[in-house]
Amino acid sequence: MVPDFPIHIVDMARLQDETVFQTDLRTMVALFQKRNDKEAFKDYCDQCDEAYKLAGDGAMTLGELVESKELTKYCDMAMVKKESGKETVEVCRAITELIEDGRAEGRAEGRAEGRQEGREEGREEGREEERKSTLREKARADAAEEESMRLKILLDKAGIAY
């Protein structure tokens, strides 16, 4: 026989007032609703102390709800604090650190790409400089050849043997 318990289903995306909850669910609903608006999400984190401390399971659930593998992974190995016998994860700090990690990775990739582009540009500039140098050398050689021809003509006109 299966126990007959009432089940309450909450559509977090459509819930009008998350303040009806008195637990971490309030914070999870608020963060979930703001998941697509980074400014609103950040503002909520800045204004709400509870956003910084969710129960470990709540933080993991939030990571799954917003489909953030990074947040879920972070919560999995997070800086877990013991507060009154309860594990908590500093969610907003976790998100901030994830953002910082992403920026650091982006900078590293940007530097690597910049170095590669710099090498390629340097090679191209070197090739261009070599082409210009070759043209200058050819122009000098042509000028020297032309001067030599003029000198021969003058020597021939003057009847001087060379």
N, C-alpha and C. Protein backbone atom coordinates (compact mmCIF):
# COMPACT_ATOMS: atom_id res chain seq x y z
N MET A 1 0.84 -1.17 0.00
CA MET A 1 0.00 0.00 0.00
C MET A 1 0.90 1.25 0.00
N VAL A 2 0.56 2.21 -0.83
CA VAL A 2 1.32 3.44 -0.97
C VAL A 2 0.65 4.51 -0.10
N PRO A 3 1.47 5.24 0.70
CA PRO A 3 0.88 6.30 1.53
C PRO A 3 0.26 7.38 0.64
N ASP A 4 -0.81 7.97 1.15
CA ASP A 4 -1.55 9.00 0.41
C ASP A 4 -1.17 10.37 0.96
N PHE A 5 -0.09 10.97 0.37
CA PHE A 5 0.35 12.30 0.80
C PHE A 5 0.03 13.31 -0.28
N PRO A 6 -0.34 14.51 0.11
CA PRO A 6 -0.57 15.54 -0.91
C PRO A 6 0.77 15.97 -1.52
N ILE A 7 0.76 16.22 -2.81
CA ILE A 7 1.95 16.67 -3.52
C ILE A 7 1.69 18.09 -4.02
N HIS A 8 2.60 18.98 -3.69
CA HIS A 8 2.48 20.36 -4.16
C HIS A 8 3.53 20.59 -5.24
N ILE A 9 3.07 20.98 -6.40
CA ILE A 9 3.98 21.25 -7.51
C ILE A 9 4.13 22.76 -7.66
N VAL A 10 5.36 23.21 -7.75
CA VAL A 10 5.64 24.63 -7.86
C VAL A 10 6.31 24.90 -9.21
N ASP A 11 5.70 25.78 -9.99
CA ASP A 11 6.30 26.21 -11.25
C ASP A 11 7.12 27.45 -10.95
N MET A 12 8.41 27.24 -10.73
CA MET A 12 9.27 28.34 -10.26
C MET A 12 9.35 29.48 -11.27
N ALA A 13 9.22 29.19 -12.53
CA ALA A 13 9.33 30.24 -13.54
C ALA A 13 8.12 31.18 -13.51
N ARG A 14 6.99 30.68 -13.08
CA ARG A 14 5.76 31.48 -13.11
C ARG A 14 5.30 31.96 -11.74
N LEU A 15 6.01 31.58 -10.73
CA LEU A 15 5.63 31.97 -9.37
C LEU A 15 5.74 33.48 -9.23
N GLN A 16 4.69 34.11 -8.76
CA GLN A 16 4.64 35.57 -8.66
C GLN A 16 5.40 36.12 -7.46
N ASP A 17 5.32 35.43 -6.34
CA ASP A 17 5.90 35.97 -5.11
C ASP A 17 6.66 34.87 -4.38
N GLU A 18 8.00 34.92 -4.49
CA GLU A 18 8.82 33.89 -3.85
C GLU A 18 8.90 34.06 -2.34
N THR A 19 8.44 35.20 -1.84
CA THR A 19 8.54 35.46 -0.39
C THR A 19 7.56 34.60 0.42
N VAL A 20 6.69 33.86 -0.26
CA VAL A 20 5.78 32.96 0.47
C VAL A 20 6.55 31.82 1.12
N PHE A 21 7.78 31.58 0.64
CA PHE A 21 8.60 30.52 1.20
C PHE A 21 9.49 31.10 2.30
N GLN A 22 9.73 30.28 3.31
CA GLN A 22 10.54 30.73 4.44
C GLN A 22 11.87 29.99 4.50
N THR A 23 12.17 29.17 3.52
CA THR A 23 13.38 28.35 3.52
C THR A 23 14.29 28.76 2.36
N ASP A 24 15.29 27.96 2.12
CA ASP A 24 16.19 28.20 0.98
C ASP A 24 15.44 28.18 -0.35
N LEU A 25 14.27 27.60 -0.35
CA LEU A 25 13.48 27.56 -1.58
C LEU A 25 13.17 28.98 -2.08
N ARG A 26 12.97 29.91 -1.16
CA ARG A 26 12.72 31.31 -1.55
C ARG A 26 13.91 31.83 -2.38
N THR A 27 15.10 31.62 -1.89
CA THR A 27 16.30 32.09 -2.59
C THR A 27 16.47 31.36 -3.92
N MET A 28 16.25 30.06 -3.92
CA MET A 28 16.38 29.29 -5.15
C MET A 28 15.39 29.76 -6.20
N VAL A 29 14.15 30.03 -5.80
CA VAL A 29 13.12 30.51 -6.74
C VAL A 29 13.53 31.87 -7.30
N ALA A 30 13.97 32.76 -6.43
CA ALA A 30 14.36 34.11 -6.87
C ALA A 30 15.54 34.04 -7.85
N LEU A 31 16.55 33.25 -7.52
CA LEU A 31 17.72 33.14 -8.41
C LEU A 31 17.33 32.45 -9.72
N PHE A 32 16.47 31.45 -9.62
CA PHE A 32 16.02 30.75 -10.83
C PHE A 32 15.29 31.71 -11.76
N GLN A 33 14.43 32.54 -11.20
CA GLN A 33 13.65 33.48 -12.02
C GLN A 33 14.55 34.54 -12.66
N LYS A 34 15.68 34.81 -12.05
CA LYS A 34 16.58 35.85 -12.57
C LYS A 34 17.73 35.25 -13.38
N ARG A 35 17.69 33.98 -13.67
CA ARG A 35 18.80 33.29 -14.31
C ARG A 35 19.15 33.83 -15.70
N ASN A 36 18.20 34.43 -16.41
CA ASN A 36 18.46 34.93 -17.76
C ASN A 36 18.73 36.43 -17.80
N ASP A 37 18.72 37.08 -16.65
CA ASP A 37 18.96 38.52 -16.57
C ASP A 37 20.12 38.75 -15.60
N LYS A 38 21.33 38.84 -16.14
CA LYS A 38 22.51 38.89 -15.28
C LYS A 38 22.52 40.09 -14.34
N GLU A 39 21.97 41.22 -14.78
CA GLU A 39 21.94 42.39 -13.89
C GLU A 39 21.00 42.16 -12.71
N ALA A 40 19.82 41.61 -13.00
CA ALA A 40 18.86 41.33 -11.92
C ALA A 40 19.43 40.26 -10.98
N PHE A 41 20.10 39.27 -11.55
CA PHE A 41 20.71 38.20 -10.76
C PHE A 41 21.77 38.80 -9.83
N LYS A 42 22.64 39.64 -10.39
CA LYS A 42 23.70 40.27 -9.60
C LYS A 42 23.10 41.17 -8.52
N ASP A 43 22.10 41.96 -8.89
CA ASP A 43 21.47 42.86 -7.92
C ASP A 43 20.87 42.07 -6.76
N TYR A 44 20.21 40.96 -7.09
CA TYR A 44 19.61 40.13 -6.04
C TYR A 44 20.70 39.59 -5.11
N CYS A 45 21.78 39.12 -5.71
CA CYS A 45 22.88 38.59 -4.89
C CYS A 45 23.45 39.68 -3.99
N ASP A 46 23.55 40.90 -4.53
CA ASP A 46 24.10 42.00 -3.74
C ASP A 46 23.18 42.41 -2.59
N GLN A 47 21.87 42.28 -2.80
CA GLN A 47 20.90 42.76 -1.81
C GLN A 47 20.45 41.69 -0.82
N CYS A 48 20.61 40.45 -1.16
CA CYS A 48 20.04 39.38 -0.35
C CYS A 48 21.14 38.52 0.27
N ASP A 49 21.28 38.59 1.58
CA ASP A 49 22.30 37.80 2.26
C ASP A 49 22.11 36.30 2.08
N GLU A 50 20.84 35.87 1.99
CA GLU A 50 20.57 34.44 1.84
C GLU A 50 21.12 33.89 0.53
N ALA A 51 21.28 34.78 -0.46
CA ALA A 51 21.80 34.32 -1.75
C ALA A 51 23.24 33.86 -1.64
N TYR A 52 23.90 34.33 -0.59
CA TYR A 52 25.29 33.93 -0.41
C TYR A 52 25.44 32.61 0.30
N LYS A 53 24.36 32.16 0.94
CA LYS A 53 24.48 30.92 1.69
C LYS A 53 23.25 30.05 1.47
N LEU A 54 23.43 29.05 0.64
CA LEU A 54 22.37 28.07 0.43
C LEU A 54 22.85 26.75 1.01
N ALA A 55 21.93 25.97 1.48
CA ALA A 55 22.29 24.63 1.93
C ALA A 55 22.94 23.91 0.75
N GLY A 56 23.90 23.05 1.05
CA GLY A 56 24.64 22.34 0.00
C GLY A 56 23.74 21.73 -1.05
N ASP A 57 22.67 21.06 -0.62
CA ASP A 57 21.73 20.45 -1.57
C ASP A 57 21.00 21.51 -2.38
N GLY A 58 20.66 22.62 -1.74
CA GLY A 58 19.96 23.70 -2.43
C GLY A 58 20.84 24.30 -3.52
N ALA A 59 22.11 24.48 -3.22
CA ALA A 59 23.04 25.03 -4.21
C ALA A 59 23.20 24.06 -5.38
N MET A 60 23.31 22.79 -5.08
CA MET A 60 23.41 21.77 -6.14
C MET A 60 22.15 21.78 -7.00
N THR A 61 20.99 21.86 -6.33
CA THR A 61 19.72 21.88 -7.05
C THR A 61 19.64 23.11 -7.95
N LEU A 62 20.05 24.26 -7.43
CA LEU A 62 20.05 25.48 -8.23
C LEU A 62 20.95 25.32 -9.45
N GLY A 63 22.12 24.74 -9.27
CA GLY A 63 23.02 24.49 -10.39
C GLY A 63 22.36 23.63 -11.47
N GLU A 64 21.62 22.62 -11.03
CA GLU A 64 20.91 21.76 -11.98
C GLU A 64 19.76 22.51 -12.65
N LEU A 65 19.02 23.29 -11.87
CA LEU A 65 17.87 24.02 -12.42
C LEU A 65 18.27 25.04 -13.47
N VAL A 66 19.37 25.74 -13.25
CA VAL A 66 19.80 26.75 -14.23
C VAL A 66 20.70 26.13 -15.29
N GLU A 67 20.83 24.81 -15.23
CA GLU A 67 21.60 24.03 -16.21
C GLU A 67 23.03 24.54 -16.32
N SER A 68 23.64 24.73 -15.17
CA SER A 68 25.03 25.19 -15.13
C SER A 68 25.91 24.05 -14.62
N LYS A 69 26.58 23.40 -15.54
CA LYS A 69 27.48 22.31 -15.16
C LYS A 69 28.60 22.84 -14.27
N GLU A 70 29.04 24.07 -14.59
CA GLU A 70 30.12 24.67 -13.80
C GLU A 70 29.70 24.90 -12.36
N LEU A 71 28.50 25.46 -12.17
CA LEU A 71 28.01 25.72 -10.80
C LEU A 71 27.81 24.40 -10.06
N THR A 72 27.25 23.42 -10.73
CA THR A 72 27.04 22.11 -10.09
C THR A 72 28.38 21.51 -9.69
N LYS A 73 29.35 21.58 -10.61
CA LYS A 73 30.68 21.04 -10.32
C LYS A 73 31.31 21.80 -9.16
N TYR A 74 31.18 23.12 -9.19
CA TYR A 74 31.74 23.95 -8.12
C TYR A 74 31.11 23.59 -6.78
N CYS A 75 29.78 23.46 -6.78
CA CYS A 75 29.09 23.12 -5.53
C CYS A 75 29.51 21.75 -5.03
N ASP A 76 29.80 20.86 -5.96
CA ASP A 76 30.23 19.53 -5.61
C ASP A 76 31.53 19.55 -4.82
N MET A 77 32.46 20.40 -5.24
CA MET A 77 33.74 20.47 -4.56
C MET A 77 33.91 21.81 -3.87
N ALA A 78 32.81 22.46 -3.57
CA ALA A 78 32.80 23.85 -3.08
C ALA A 78 33.42 24.02 -1.72
N MET A 79 33.59 25.30 -1.43
CA MET A 79 34.02 25.68 -0.10
C MET A 79 32.80 25.51 0.80
N VAL A 80 32.70 24.39 1.41
CA VAL A 80 31.55 24.09 2.24
C VAL A 80 31.86 24.54 3.66
N LYS A 81 30.96 25.28 4.21
CA LYS A 81 31.15 25.78 5.58
C LYS A 81 30.13 25.09 6.48
N LYS A 82 30.53 24.88 7.68
CA LYS A 82 29.60 24.35 8.68
C LYS A 82 29.04 25.52 9.46
N GLU A 83 27.75 25.68 9.37
CA GLU A 83 27.09 26.72 10.15
C GLU A 83 25.92 26.07 10.88
N SER A 84 25.98 26.09 12.12
CA SER A 84 24.98 25.47 12.99
C SER A 84 24.66 24.04 12.53
N GLY A 85 25.73 23.30 12.24
CA GLY A 85 25.56 21.89 11.87
C GLY A 85 25.01 21.68 10.47
N LYS A 86 24.96 22.72 9.66
CA LYS A 86 24.36 22.62 8.33
C LYS A 86 25.40 23.03 7.28
N GLU A 87 25.54 22.23 6.24
CA GLU A 87 26.48 22.59 5.17
C GLU A 87 25.87 23.71 4.33
N THR A 88 26.68 24.72 4.04
CA THR A 88 26.21 25.79 3.17
C THR A 88 27.24 26.05 2.09
N VAL A 89 26.77 26.53 0.95
CA VAL A 89 27.65 26.90 -0.15
C VAL A 89 27.38 28.35 -0.46
N GLU A 90 28.43 29.12 -0.57
CA GLU A 90 28.29 30.53 -0.91
C GLU A 90 28.06 30.64 -2.41
N VAL A 91 26.79 30.60 -2.82
CA VAL A 91 26.42 30.52 -4.23
C VAL A 91 26.91 31.73 -5.02
N CYS A 92 26.65 32.92 -4.55
CA CYS A 92 27.06 34.10 -5.31
C CYS A 92 28.58 34.18 -5.40
N ARG A 93 29.24 33.79 -4.34
CA ARG A 93 30.70 33.76 -4.39
C ARG A 93 31.15 32.70 -5.39
N ALA A 94 30.46 31.58 -5.41
CA ALA A 94 30.78 30.52 -6.36
C ALA A 94 30.62 31.04 -7.79
N ILE A 95 29.53 31.73 -8.04
CA ILE A 95 29.27 32.26 -9.38
C ILE A 95 30.34 33.30 -9.73
N THR A 96 30.67 34.16 -8.79
CA THR A 96 31.71 35.18 -9.02
C THR A 96 33.04 34.51 -9.35
N GLU A 97 33.39 33.47 -8.62
CA GLU A 97 34.64 32.78 -8.88
C GLU A 97 34.61 32.06 -10.23
N LEU A 98 33.45 31.50 -10.58
CA LEU A 98 33.33 30.87 -11.89
C LEU A 98 33.52 31.89 -13.00
N ILE A 99 32.94 33.07 -12.82
CA ILE A 99 33.11 34.15 -13.80
C ILE A 99 34.58 34.54 -13.90
N GLU A 100 35.23 34.69 -12.75
CA GLU A 100 36.65 35.06 -12.74
C GLU A 100 37.49 33.98 -13.43
N ASP A 101 37.16 32.71 -13.16
CA ASP A 101 37.87 31.61 -13.83
C ASP A 101 37.69 31.69 -15.34
N GLY A 102 36.46 31.96 -15.76
CA GLY A 102 36.18 32.10 -17.20
C GLY A 102 36.95 33.25 -17.81
N ARG A 103 37.01 34.37 -17.10
CA ARG A 103 37.77 35.51 -17.60
C ARG A 103 39.25 35.16 -17.71
N ALA A 104 39.78 34.49 -16.70
CA ALA A 104 41.19 34.10 -16.72
C ALA A 104 41.47 33.18 -17.91
N GLU A 105 40.58 32.22 -18.14
CA GLU A 105 40.75 31.33 -19.29
C GLU A 105 40.69 32.13 -20.59
N GLY A 106 39.75 33.07 -20.66
CA GLY A 106 39.62 33.91 -21.86
C GLY A 106 40.87 34.74 -22.10
N ARG A 107 41.41 35.30 -21.03
CA ARG A 107 42.65 36.08 -21.17
C ARG A 107 43.79 35.20 -21.67
N ALA A 108 43.91 34.01 -21.10
CA ALA A 108 44.97 33.09 -21.52
C ALA A 108 44.82 32.72 -22.99
N GLU A 109 43.59 32.42 -23.40
CA GLU A 109 43.36 32.10 -24.81
C GLU A 109 43.65 33.30 -25.69
N GLY A 110 43.23 34.49 -25.24
CA GLY A 110 43.49 35.71 -26.00
C GLY A 110 44.97 35.98 -26.17
N ARG A 111 45.72 35.76 -25.09
CA ARG A 111 47.17 35.96 -25.17
C ARG A 111 47.79 34.98 -26.16
N ALA A 112 47.37 33.72 -26.08
CA ALA A 112 47.91 32.71 -26.99
C ALA A 112 47.59 33.07 -28.44
N GLU A 113 46.33 33.47 -28.69
CA GLU A 113 45.95 33.86 -30.04
C GLU A 113 46.72 35.10 -30.48
N GLY A 114 46.90 36.05 -29.56
CA GLY A 114 47.64 37.27 -29.87
C GLY A 114 49.09 36.97 -30.23
N ARG A 115 49.69 36.06 -29.47
CA ARG A 115 51.08 35.68 -29.78
C ARG A 115 51.16 35.05 -31.17
N GLN A 116 50.21 34.17 -31.45
CA GLN A 116 50.20 33.50 -32.76
C GLN A 116 50.01 34.53 -33.88
N GLU A 117 49.06 35.44 -33.70
CA GLU A 117 48.84 36.47 -34.71
C GLU A 117 50.06 37.36 -34.85
N GLY A 118 50.70 37.68 -33.73
CA GLY A 118 51.91 38.50 -33.76
C GLY A 118 53.02 37.81 -34.53
N ARG A 119 53.17 36.50 -34.31
CA ARG A 119 54.19 35.75 -35.05
C ARG A 119 53.89 35.79 -36.54
N GLU A 120 52.62 35.55 -36.88
CA GLU A 120 52.24 35.55 -38.29
C GLU A 120 52.46 36.93 -38.91
N GLU A 121 52.06 37.99 -38.19
CA GLU A 121 52.27 39.34 -38.71
C GLU A 121 53.76 39.64 -38.83
N GLY A 122 54.53 39.21 -37.84
CA GLY A 122 55.98 39.41 -37.88
C GLY A 122 56.60 38.71 -39.08
N ARG A 123 56.17 37.49 -39.33
CA ARG A 123 56.68 36.76 -40.50
C ARG A 123 56.33 37.50 -41.79
N GLU A 124 55.08 37.94 -41.86
CA GLU A 124 54.63 38.66 -43.07
C GLU A 124 55.41 39.96 -43.23
N GLU A 125 55.61 40.69 -42.13
CA GLU A 125 56.39 41.92 -42.20
C GLU A 125 57.83 41.62 -42.62
N GLY A 126 58.38 40.52 -42.11
CA GLY A 126 59.74 40.12 -42.50
C GLY A 126 59.81 39.80 -43.98
N ARG A 127 58.81 39.08 -44.48
CA ARG A 127 58.78 38.76 -45.92
C ARG A 127 58.68 40.04 -46.74
N GLU A 128 57.81 40.95 -46.30
CA GLU A 128 57.63 42.22 -47.01
C GLU A 128 58.93 43.02 -47.00
N GLU A 129 59.59 43.06 -45.85
CA GLU A 129 60.86 43.78 -45.74
C GLU A 129 61.90 43.14 -46.65
N GLU A 130 61.92 41.81 -46.72
CA GLU A 130 62.85 41.11 -47.60
C GLU A 130 62.57 41.45 -49.06
N ARG A 131 61.28 41.51 -49.44
CA ARG A 131 60.92 41.88 -50.81
C ARG A 131 61.40 43.30 -51.13
N LYS A 132 61.17 44.22 -50.18
CA LYS A 132 61.60 45.60 -50.39
C LYS A 132 63.12 45.68 -50.50
N SER A 133 63.81 44.95 -49.63
CA SER A 133 65.27 44.94 -49.65
C SER A 133 65.78 44.39 -50.98
N THR A 134 65.16 43.34 -51.46
CA THR A 134 65.54 42.75 -52.74
C THR A 134 65.33 43.75 -53.87
N LEU A 135 64.20 44.46 -53.84
CA LEU A 135 63.93 45.46 -54.87
C LEU A 135 64.95 46.60 -54.80
N ARG A 136 65.32 47.03 -53.58
CA ARG A 136 66.32 48.09 -53.44
C ARG A 136 67.67 47.63 -53.99
N GLU A 137 68.05 46.41 -53.66
CA GLU A 137 69.31 45.86 -54.16
C GLU A 137 69.30 45.77 -55.68
N LYS A 138 68.17 45.35 -56.24
CA LYS A 138 68.05 45.26 -57.69
C LYS A 138 68.14 46.65 -58.31
N ALA A 139 67.48 47.62 -57.68
CA ALA A 139 67.53 49.00 -58.19
C ALA A 139 68.96 49.53 -58.13
N ARG A 140 69.68 49.25 -57.05
CA ARG A 140 71.07 49.69 -56.94
C ARG A 140 71.94 49.02 -58.02
N ALA A 141 71.72 47.72 -58.18
CA ALA A 141 72.50 47.00 -59.20
C ALA A 141 72.20 47.55 -60.59
N ASP A 142 70.91 47.82 -60.87
CA ASP A 142 70.53 48.39 -62.16
C ASP A 142 71.16 49.77 -62.35
N ALA A 143 71.12 50.58 -61.27
CA ALA A 143 71.73 51.91 -61.35
C ALA A 143 73.23 51.80 -61.58
N ALA A 144 73.90 50.88 -60.90
CA ALA A 144 75.34 50.68 -61.07
C ALA A 144 75.64 50.21 -62.49
N GLU A 145 74.82 49.32 -63.02
CA GLU A 145 74.99 48.82 -64.39
C GLU A 145 74.81 49.96 -65.38
N GLU A 146 73.81 50.77 -65.15
CA GLU A 146 73.55 51.92 -66.04
C GLU A 146 74.73 52.91 -65.98
N GLU A 147 75.24 53.19 -64.80
CA GLU A 147 76.38 54.09 -64.64
C GLU A 147 77.61 53.50 -65.33
N SER A 148 77.80 52.22 -65.21
CA SER A 148 78.92 51.55 -65.86
C SER A 148 78.81 51.68 -67.37
N MET A 149 77.60 51.54 -67.89
CA MET A 149 77.38 51.67 -69.35
C MET A 149 77.68 53.11 -69.80
N ARG A 150 77.23 54.09 -69.02
CA ARG A 150 77.50 55.49 -69.37
C ARG A 150 79.01 55.77 -69.38
N LEU A 151 79.70 55.24 -68.38
CA LEU A 151 81.14 55.42 -68.29
C LEU A 151 81.84 54.80 -69.49
N LYS A 152 81.41 53.61 -69.90
CA LYS A 152 82.00 52.95 -71.08
C LYS A 152 81.79 53.80 -72.32
N ILE A 153 80.58 54.35 -72.45
CA ILE A 153 80.26 55.18 -73.62
C ILE A 153 81.17 56.41 -73.63
N LEU A 154 81.33 57.05 -72.47
CA LEU A 154 82.18 58.23 -72.38
C LEU A 154 83.64 57.88 -72.69
N LEU A 155 84.10 56.76 -72.17
CA LEU A 155 85.47 56.32 -72.42
C LEU A 155 85.67 56.02 -73.92
N ASP A 156 84.64 55.37 -74.53
CA ASP A 156 84.73 55.07 -75.97
C ASP A 156 84.78 56.37 -76.77
N LYS A 157 83.95 57.36 -76.43
CA LYS A 157 83.91 58.63 -77.15
C LYS A 157 85.25 59.38 -77.00
N ALA A 158 85.82 59.23 -75.81
CA ALA A 158 87.08 59.92 -75.57
C ALA A 158 88.26 59.14 -76.15
N GLY A 159 87.99 57.93 -76.62
CA GLY A 159 89.04 57.11 -77.20
C GLY A 159 89.96 56.51 -76.19
N ILE A 160 89.49 56.37 -75.01
CA ILE A 160 90.31 55.80 -73.93
C ILE A 160 89.97 54.32 -73.82
N ALA A 161 91.02 53.51 -73.81
CA ALA A 161 90.83 52.07 -73.68
C ALA A 161 90.63 51.72 -72.21
N TYR A 162 89.82 50.76 -71.98
CA TYR A 162 89.54 50.37 -70.59
C TYR A 162 89.74 48.91 -70.37
